[in-house]
Amino acid sequence: MTLDQCKIGKRARILAVGGQGALRRRLLDMGLTPHTAVMVRKVAPMGDPIELHVRSYELTIRKEDAANIEVEALD
């Protein structure tokens, strides 16, 4: 499953970060690296963007970018 498919309040572990070039590098630089636990905290009223809790801070990313991150559910 991908990160954009996770429900609010659910935790997941990142398996792989997809994308190419600058997009992939930007996601990795923000701390979204393989084997990292993330939790979906909020989703905007129209569904985009989503707020994540990762590495003890909150990060907001577009749903389109979250679709490039493969995860497995922890809960």
PDB file of N, CA and C in Angstrom:
ATOM      1  N   MET A   1       0.852  -1.164   0.000  1.00  0.00           N
ATOM      2  CA  MET A   1       0.000   0.000   0.000  1.00  0.00           C
ATOM      3  C   MET A   1       0.898   1.227   0.000  1.00  0.00           C
ATOM      4  N   THR A   2       0.343   2.347  -0.391  1.00  0.00           N
ATOM      5  CA  THR A   2       1.117   3.586  -0.416  1.00  0.00           C
ATOM      6  C   THR A   2       0.653   4.517   0.699  1.00  0.00           C
ATOM      7  N   LEU A   3       1.463   5.497   1.019  1.00  0.00           N
ATOM      8  CA  LEU A   3       1.206   6.382   2.146  1.00  0.00           C
ATOM      9  C   LEU A   3      -0.089   7.167   1.998  1.00  0.00           C
ATOM     10  N   ASP A   4      -0.467   7.509   0.794  1.00  0.00           N
ATOM     11  CA  ASP A   4      -1.705   8.270   0.597  1.00  0.00           C
ATOM     12  C   ASP A   4      -2.949   7.442   0.895  1.00  0.00           C
ATOM     13  N   GLN A   5      -2.824   6.123   1.015  1.00  0.00           N
ATOM     14  CA  GLN A   5      -3.949   5.241   1.298  1.00  0.00           C
ATOM     15  C   GLN A   5      -4.127   4.972   2.790  1.00  0.00           C
ATOM     16  N   CYS A   6      -3.210   5.420   3.624  1.00  0.00           N
ATOM     17  CA  CYS A   6      -3.300   5.218   5.073  1.00  0.00           C
ATOM     18  C   CYS A   6      -4.415   6.079   5.654  1.00  0.00           C
ATOM     19  N   LYS A   7      -5.076   5.555   6.660  1.00  0.00           N
ATOM     20  CA  LYS A   7      -6.163   6.262   7.334  1.00  0.00           C
ATOM     21  C   LYS A   7      -5.611   7.143   8.455  1.00  0.00           C
ATOM     22  N   ILE A   8      -6.378   8.136   8.853  1.00  0.00           N
ATOM     23  CA  ILE A   8      -5.980   9.041   9.929  1.00  0.00           C
ATOM     24  C   ILE A   8      -5.784   8.260  11.226  1.00  0.00           C
ATOM     25  N   GLY A   9      -4.672   8.528  11.909  1.00  0.00           N
ATOM     26  CA  GLY A   9      -4.375   7.883  13.177  1.00  0.00           C
ATOM     27  C   GLY A   9      -3.663   6.550  13.060  1.00  0.00           C
ATOM     28  N   LYS A  10      -3.482   6.042  11.861  1.00  0.00           N
ATOM     29  CA  LYS A  10      -2.817   4.754  11.657  1.00  0.00           C
ATOM     30  C   LYS A  10      -1.326   4.949  11.453  1.00  0.00           C
ATOM     31  N   ARG A  11      -0.563   4.021  12.011  1.00  0.00           N
ATOM     32  CA  ARG A  11       0.894   4.057  11.862  1.00  0.00           C
ATOM     33  C   ARG A  11       1.321   3.085  10.764  1.00  0.00           C
ATOM     34  N   ALA A  12       2.432   3.423  10.131  1.00  0.00           N
ATOM     35  CA  ALA A  12       2.973   2.580   9.065  1.00  0.00           C
ATOM     36  C   ALA A  12       4.490   2.716   9.048  1.00  0.00           C
ATOM     37  N   ARG A  13       5.143   1.751   8.426  1.00  0.00           N
ATOM     38  CA  ARG A  13       6.596   1.791   8.265  1.00  0.00           C
ATOM     39  C   ARG A  13       6.892   1.934   6.773  1.00  0.00           C
ATOM     40  N   ILE A  14       7.790   2.826   6.445  1.00  0.00           N
ATOM     41  CA  ILE A  14       8.154   3.058   5.051  1.00  0.00           C
ATOM     42  C   ILE A  14       8.994   1.894   4.547  1.00  0.00           C
ATOM     43  N   LEU A  15       8.595   1.330   3.409  1.00  0.00           N
ATOM     44  CA  LEU A  15       9.337   0.251   2.781  1.00  0.00           C
ATOM     45  C   LEU A  15      10.240   0.760   1.667  1.00  0.00           C
ATOM     46  N   ALA A  16       9.717   1.667   0.849  1.00  0.00           N
ATOM     47  CA  ALA A  16      10.487   2.193  -0.281  1.00  0.00           C
ATOM     48  C   ALA A  16       9.979   3.581  -0.647  1.00  0.00           C
ATOM     49  N   VAL A  17      10.884   4.405  -1.120  1.00  0.00           N
ATOM     50  CA  VAL A  17      10.537   5.748  -1.584  1.00  0.00           C
ATOM     51  C   VAL A  17      10.738   5.774  -3.087  1.00  0.00           C
ATOM     52  N   GLY A  18       9.648   5.969  -3.812  1.00  0.00           N
ATOM     53  CA  GLY A  18       9.712   5.989  -5.271  1.00  0.00           C
ATOM     54  C   GLY A  18       9.944   7.401  -5.786  1.00  0.00           C
ATOM     55  N   GLY A  19       9.643   7.586  -7.047  1.00  0.00           N
ATOM     56  CA  GLY A  19       9.877   8.883  -7.674  1.00  0.00           C
ATOM     57  C   GLY A  19      11.271   8.908  -8.280  1.00  0.00           C
ATOM     58  N   GLN A  20      11.551   9.987  -8.966  1.00  0.00           N
ATOM     59  CA  GLN A  20      12.852  10.107  -9.619  1.00  0.00           C
ATOM     60  C   GLN A  20      13.414  11.497  -9.397  1.00  0.00           C
ATOM     61  N   GLY A  21      14.710  11.581  -9.435  1.00  0.00           N
ATOM     62  CA  GLY A  21      15.402  12.862  -9.403  1.00  0.00           C
ATOM     63  C   GLY A  21      15.119  13.700  -8.178  1.00  0.00           C
ATOM     64  N   ALA A  22      14.756  14.961  -8.418  1.00  0.00           N
ATOM     65  CA  ALA A  22      14.578  15.932  -7.346  1.00  0.00           C
ATOM     66  C   ALA A  22      13.444  15.553  -6.402  1.00  0.00           C
ATOM     67  N   LEU A  23      12.369  14.956  -6.911  1.00  0.00           N
ATOM     68  CA  LEU A  23      11.255  14.560  -6.062  1.00  0.00           C
ATOM     69  C   LEU A  23      11.703  13.530  -5.037  1.00  0.00           C
ATOM     70  N   ARG A  24      12.380  12.500  -5.459  1.00  0.00           N
ATOM     71  CA  ARG A  24      12.847  11.445  -4.549  1.00  0.00           C
ATOM     72  C   ARG A  24      13.840  12.024  -3.534  1.00  0.00           C
ATOM     73  N   ARG A  25      14.752  12.834  -3.985  1.00  0.00           N
ATOM     74  CA  ARG A  25      15.749  13.444  -3.104  1.00  0.00           C
ATOM     75  C   ARG A  25      15.065  14.316  -2.050  1.00  0.00           C
ATOM     76  N   ARG A  26      14.050  15.075  -2.455  1.00  0.00           N
ATOM     77  CA  ARG A  26      13.332  15.952  -1.517  1.00  0.00           C
ATOM     78  C   ARG A  26      12.622  15.135  -0.450  1.00  0.00           C
ATOM     79  N   LEU A  27      11.973  14.039  -0.840  1.00  0.00           N
ATOM     80  CA  LEU A  27      11.292  13.181   0.128  1.00  0.00           C
ATOM     81  C   LEU A  27      12.281  12.577   1.123  1.00  0.00           C
ATOM     82  N   LEU A  28      13.419  12.117   0.626  1.00  0.00           N
ATOM     83  CA  LEU A  28      14.435  11.544   1.510  1.00  0.00           C
ATOM     84  C   LEU A  28      15.013  12.608   2.447  1.00  0.00           C
ATOM     85  N   ASP A  29      15.243  13.810   1.938  1.00  0.00           N
ATOM     86  CA  ASP A  29      15.785  14.901   2.757  1.00  0.00           C
ATOM     87  C   ASP A  29      14.825  15.315   3.873  1.00  0.00           C
ATOM     88  N   MET A  30      13.527  15.134   3.664  1.00  0.00           N
ATOM     89  CA  MET A  30      12.536  15.477   4.677  1.00  0.00           C
ATOM     90  C   MET A  30      12.422  14.402   5.757  1.00  0.00           C
ATOM     91  N   GLY A  31      13.199  13.340   5.645  1.00  0.00           N
ATOM     92  CA  GLY A  31      13.187  12.298   6.668  1.00  0.00           C
ATOM     93  C   GLY A  31      12.339  11.096   6.337  1.00  0.00           C
ATOM     94  N   LEU A  32      11.775  11.049   5.150  1.00  0.00           N
ATOM     95  CA  LEU A  32      10.946   9.914   4.746  1.00  0.00           C
ATOM     96  C   LEU A  32      11.842   8.841   4.122  1.00  0.00           C
ATOM     97  N   THR A  33      12.565   8.137   4.971  1.00  0.00           N
ATOM     98  CA  THR A  33      13.510   7.123   4.526  1.00  0.00           C
ATOM     99  C   THR A  33      12.980   5.729   4.861  1.00  0.00           C
ATOM    100  N   PRO A  34      13.440   4.702   4.157  1.00  0.00           N
ATOM    101  CA  PRO A  34      12.993   3.336   4.455  1.00  0.00           C
ATOM    102  C   PRO A  34      13.232   2.961   5.916  1.00  0.00           C
ATOM    103  N   HIS A  35      12.329   2.163   6.461  1.00  0.00           N
ATOM    104  CA  HIS A  35      12.346   1.648   7.839  1.00  0.00           C
ATOM    105  C   HIS A  35      11.960   2.699   8.870  1.00  0.00           C
ATOM    106  N   THR A  36      11.459   3.855   8.445  1.00  0.00           N
ATOM    107  CA  THR A  36      11.029   4.903   9.361  1.00  0.00           C
ATOM    108  C   THR A  36       9.527   4.764   9.609  1.00  0.00           C
ATOM    109  N   ALA A  37       9.117   4.900  10.876  1.00  0.00           N
ATOM    110  CA  ALA A  37       7.694   4.848  11.219  1.00  0.00           C
ATOM    111  C   ALA A  37       7.060   6.216  10.981  1.00  0.00           C
ATOM    112  N   VAL A  38       5.865   6.221  10.421  1.00  0.00           N
ATOM    113  CA  VAL A  38       5.108   7.451  10.186  1.00  0.00           C
ATOM    114  C   VAL A  38       3.670   7.235  10.651  1.00  0.00           C
ATOM    115  N   MET A  39       2.999   8.336  10.989  1.00  0.00           N
ATOM    116  CA  MET A  39       1.593   8.270  11.338  1.00  0.00           C
ATOM    117  C   MET A  39       0.863   9.403  10.631  1.00  0.00           C
ATOM    118  N   VAL A  40      -0.282   9.105  10.055  1.00  0.00           N
ATOM    119  CA  VAL A  40      -1.093  10.131   9.408  1.00  0.00           C
ATOM    120  C   VAL A  40      -1.860  10.860  10.508  1.00  0.00           C
ATOM    121  N   ARG A  41      -1.608  12.159  10.671  1.00  0.00           N
ATOM    122  CA  ARG A  41      -2.245  12.947  11.731  1.00  0.00           C
ATOM    123  C   ARG A  41      -3.518  13.629  11.255  1.00  0.00           C
ATOM    124  N   LYS A  42      -3.470  14.250  10.086  1.00  0.00           N
ATOM    125  CA  LYS A  42      -4.624  14.995   9.583  1.00  0.00           C
ATOM    126  C   LYS A  42      -4.668  14.904   8.065  1.00  0.00           C
ATOM    127  N   VAL A  43      -5.858  15.132   7.537  1.00  0.00           N
ATOM    128  CA  VAL A  43      -6.032  15.267   6.095  1.00  0.00           C
ATOM    129  C   VAL A  43      -6.839  16.545   5.881  1.00  0.00           C
ATOM    130  N   ALA A  44      -6.425  17.355   4.944  1.00  0.00           N
ATOM    131  CA  ALA A  44      -7.136  18.608   4.657  1.00  0.00           C
ATOM    132  C   ALA A  44      -8.577  18.308   4.229  1.00  0.00           C
ATOM    133  N   PRO A  45      -9.479  19.262   4.401  1.00  0.00           N
ATOM    134  CA  PRO A  45     -10.895  19.034   4.084  1.00  0.00           C
ATOM    135  C   PRO A  45     -11.153  18.509   2.669  1.00  0.00           C
ATOM    136  N   MET A  46     -10.384  18.935   1.708  1.00  0.00           N
ATOM    137  CA  MET A  46     -10.576  18.454   0.340  1.00  0.00           C
ATOM    138  C   MET A  46      -9.723  17.222   0.034  1.00  0.00           C
ATOM    139  N   GLY A  47      -9.020  16.707   1.051  1.00  0.00           N
ATOM    140  CA  GLY A  47      -8.245  15.484   0.885  1.00  0.00           C
ATOM    141  C   GLY A  47      -6.785  15.689   0.535  1.00  0.00           C
ATOM    142  N   ASP A  48      -6.365  16.911   0.316  1.00  0.00           N
ATOM    143  CA  ASP A  48      -4.979  17.162  -0.079  1.00  0.00           C
ATOM    144  C   ASP A  48      -4.563  18.522   0.462  1.00  0.00           C
ATOM    145  N   PRO A  49      -3.501  18.671   1.207  1.00  0.00           N
ATOM    146  CA  PRO A  49      -2.428  17.735   1.530  1.00  0.00           C
ATOM    147  C   PRO A  49      -2.736  16.905   2.780  1.00  0.00           C
ATOM    148  N   ILE A  50      -1.766  16.065   3.180  1.00  0.00           N
ATOM    149  CA  ILE A  50      -1.900  15.271   4.390  1.00  0.00           C
ATOM    150  C   ILE A  50      -0.771  15.642   5.354  1.00  0.00           C
ATOM    151  N   GLU A  51      -1.073  15.573   6.650  1.00  0.00           N
ATOM    152  CA  GLU A  51      -0.073  15.881   7.667  1.00  0.00           C
ATOM    153  C   GLU A  51       0.392  14.572   8.298  1.00  0.00           C
ATOM    154  N   LEU A  52       1.703  14.408   8.392  1.00  0.00           N
ATOM    155  CA  LEU A  52       2.309  13.198   8.935  1.00  0.00           C
ATOM    156  C   LEU A  52       3.077  13.523  10.204  1.00  0.00           C
ATOM    157  N   HIS A  53       3.166  12.552  11.098  1.00  0.00           N
ATOM    158  CA  HIS A  53       4.064  12.640  12.245  1.00  0.00           C
ATOM    159  C   HIS A  53       5.206  11.674  11.945  1.00  0.00           C
ATOM    160  N   VAL A  54       6.395  12.213  11.749  1.00  0.00           N
ATOM    161  CA  VAL A  54       7.558  11.402  11.401  1.00  0.00           C
ATOM    162  C   VAL A  54       8.774  11.935  12.150  1.00  0.00           C
ATOM    163  N   ARG A  55       9.519  11.053  12.772  1.00  0.00           N
ATOM    164  CA  ARG A  55      10.740  11.430  13.487  1.00  0.00           C
ATOM    165  C   ARG A  55      10.532  12.586  14.465  1.00  0.00           C
ATOM    166  N   SER A  56       9.476  12.534  15.240  1.00  0.00           N
ATOM    167  CA  SER A  56       9.126  13.507  16.286  1.00  0.00           C
ATOM    168  C   SER A  56       8.823  14.918  15.765  1.00  0.00           C
ATOM    169  N   TYR A  57       8.408  15.057  14.515  1.00  0.00           N
ATOM    170  CA  TYR A  57       7.935  16.350  14.018  1.00  0.00           C
ATOM    171  C   TYR A  57       6.799  16.136  13.033  1.00  0.00           C
ATOM    172  N   GLU A  58       6.065  17.201  12.737  1.00  0.00           N
ATOM    173  CA  GLU A  58       4.951  17.130  11.797  1.00  0.00           C
ATOM    174  C   GLU A  58       5.411  17.601  10.423  1.00  0.00           C
ATOM    175  N   LEU A  59       4.970  16.875   9.411  1.00  0.00           N
ATOM    176  CA  LEU A  59       5.360  17.163   8.028  1.00  0.00           C
ATOM    177  C   LEU A  59       4.110  17.114   7.167  1.00  0.00           C
ATOM    178  N   THR A  60       3.922  18.096   6.327  1.00  0.00           N
ATOM    179  CA  THR A  60       2.781  18.133   5.421  1.00  0.00           C
ATOM    180  C   THR A  60       3.275  17.929   3.999  1.00  0.00           C
ATOM    181  N   ILE A  61       2.685  16.940   3.320  1.00  0.00           N
ATOM    182  CA  ILE A  61       3.062  16.674   1.931  1.00  0.00           C
ATOM    183  C   ILE A  61       1.810  16.505   1.075  1.00  0.00           C
ATOM    184  N   ARG A  62       1.984  16.703  -0.210  1.00  0.00           N
ATOM    185  CA  ARG A  62       0.879  16.527  -1.143  1.00  0.00           C
ATOM    186  C   ARG A  62       0.538  15.050  -1.276  1.00  0.00           C
ATOM    187  N   LYS A  63      -0.714  14.778  -1.527  1.00  0.00           N
ATOM    188  CA  LYS A  63      -1.171  13.396  -1.696  1.00  0.00           C
ATOM    189  C   LYS A  63      -0.472  12.743  -2.890  1.00  0.00           C
ATOM    190  N   GLU A  64      -0.219  13.514  -3.911  1.00  0.00           N
ATOM    191  CA  GLU A  64       0.485  13.026  -5.105  1.00  0.00           C
ATOM    192  C   GLU A  64       1.892  12.534  -4.753  1.00  0.00           C
ATOM    193  N   ASP A  65       2.579  13.240  -3.863  1.00  0.00           N
ATOM    194  CA  ASP A  65       3.914  12.823  -3.422  1.00  0.00           C
ATOM    195  C   ASP A  65       3.830  11.606  -2.503  1.00  0.00           C
ATOM    196  N   ALA A  66       2.806  11.565  -1.653  1.00  0.00           N
ATOM    197  CA  ALA A  66       2.624  10.430  -0.741  1.00  0.00           C
ATOM    198  C   ALA A  66       2.364   9.131  -1.520  1.00  0.00           C
ATOM    199  N   ALA A  67       1.830   9.239  -2.715  1.00  0.00           N
ATOM    200  CA  ALA A  67       1.555   8.054  -3.522  1.00  0.00           C
ATOM    201  C   ALA A  67       2.855   7.391  -4.002  1.00  0.00           C
ATOM    202  N   ASN A  68       3.983   8.074  -3.897  1.00  0.00           N
ATOM    203  CA  ASN A  68       5.277   7.503  -4.298  1.00  0.00           C
ATOM    204  C   ASN A  68       5.971   6.755  -3.167  1.00  0.00           C
ATOM    205  N   ILE A  69       5.359   6.722  -1.982  1.00  0.00           N
ATOM    206  CA  ILE A  69       5.975   6.103  -0.812  1.00  0.00           C
ATOM    207  C   ILE A  69       5.241   4.821  -0.458  1.00  0.00           C
ATOM    208  N   GLU A  70       5.922   3.702  -0.568  1.00  0.00           N
ATOM    209  CA  GLU A  70       5.334   2.397  -0.250  1.00  0.00           C
ATOM    210  C   GLU A  70       5.515   2.125   1.238  1.00  0.00           C
ATOM    211  N   VAL A  71       4.421   1.711   1.902  1.00  0.00           N
ATOM    212  CA  VAL A  71       4.454   1.472   3.350  1.00  0.00           C
ATOM    213  C   VAL A  71       3.780   0.145   3.698  1.00  0.00           C
ATOM    214  N   GLU A  72       4.031  -0.305   4.950  1.00  0.00           N
ATOM    215  CA  GLU A  72       3.294  -1.446   5.509  1.00  0.00           C
ATOM    216  C   GLU A  72       2.672  -0.985   6.816  1.00  0.00           C
ATOM    217  N   ALA A  73       1.469  -1.427   7.090  1.00  0.00           N
ATOM    218  CA  ALA A  73       0.757  -1.028   8.304  1.00  0.00           C
ATOM    219  C   ALA A  73       1.409  -1.630   9.536  1.00  0.00           C
ATOM    220  N   LEU A  74       1.452  -0.859  10.620  1.00  0.00           N
ATOM    221  CA  LEU A  74       2.013  -1.340  11.891  1.00  0.00           C
ATOM    222  C   LEU A  74       0.902  -1.694  12.879  1.00  0.00           C
ATOM    223  N   ASP A  75      -0.237  -1.039  12.812  1.00  0.00           N
ATOM    224  CA  ASP A  75      -1.337  -1.285  13.767  1.00  0.00           C
ATOM    225  C   ASP A  75      -2.241  -2.380  13.273  1.00  0.00           C
TER     226      ASP A  75
END
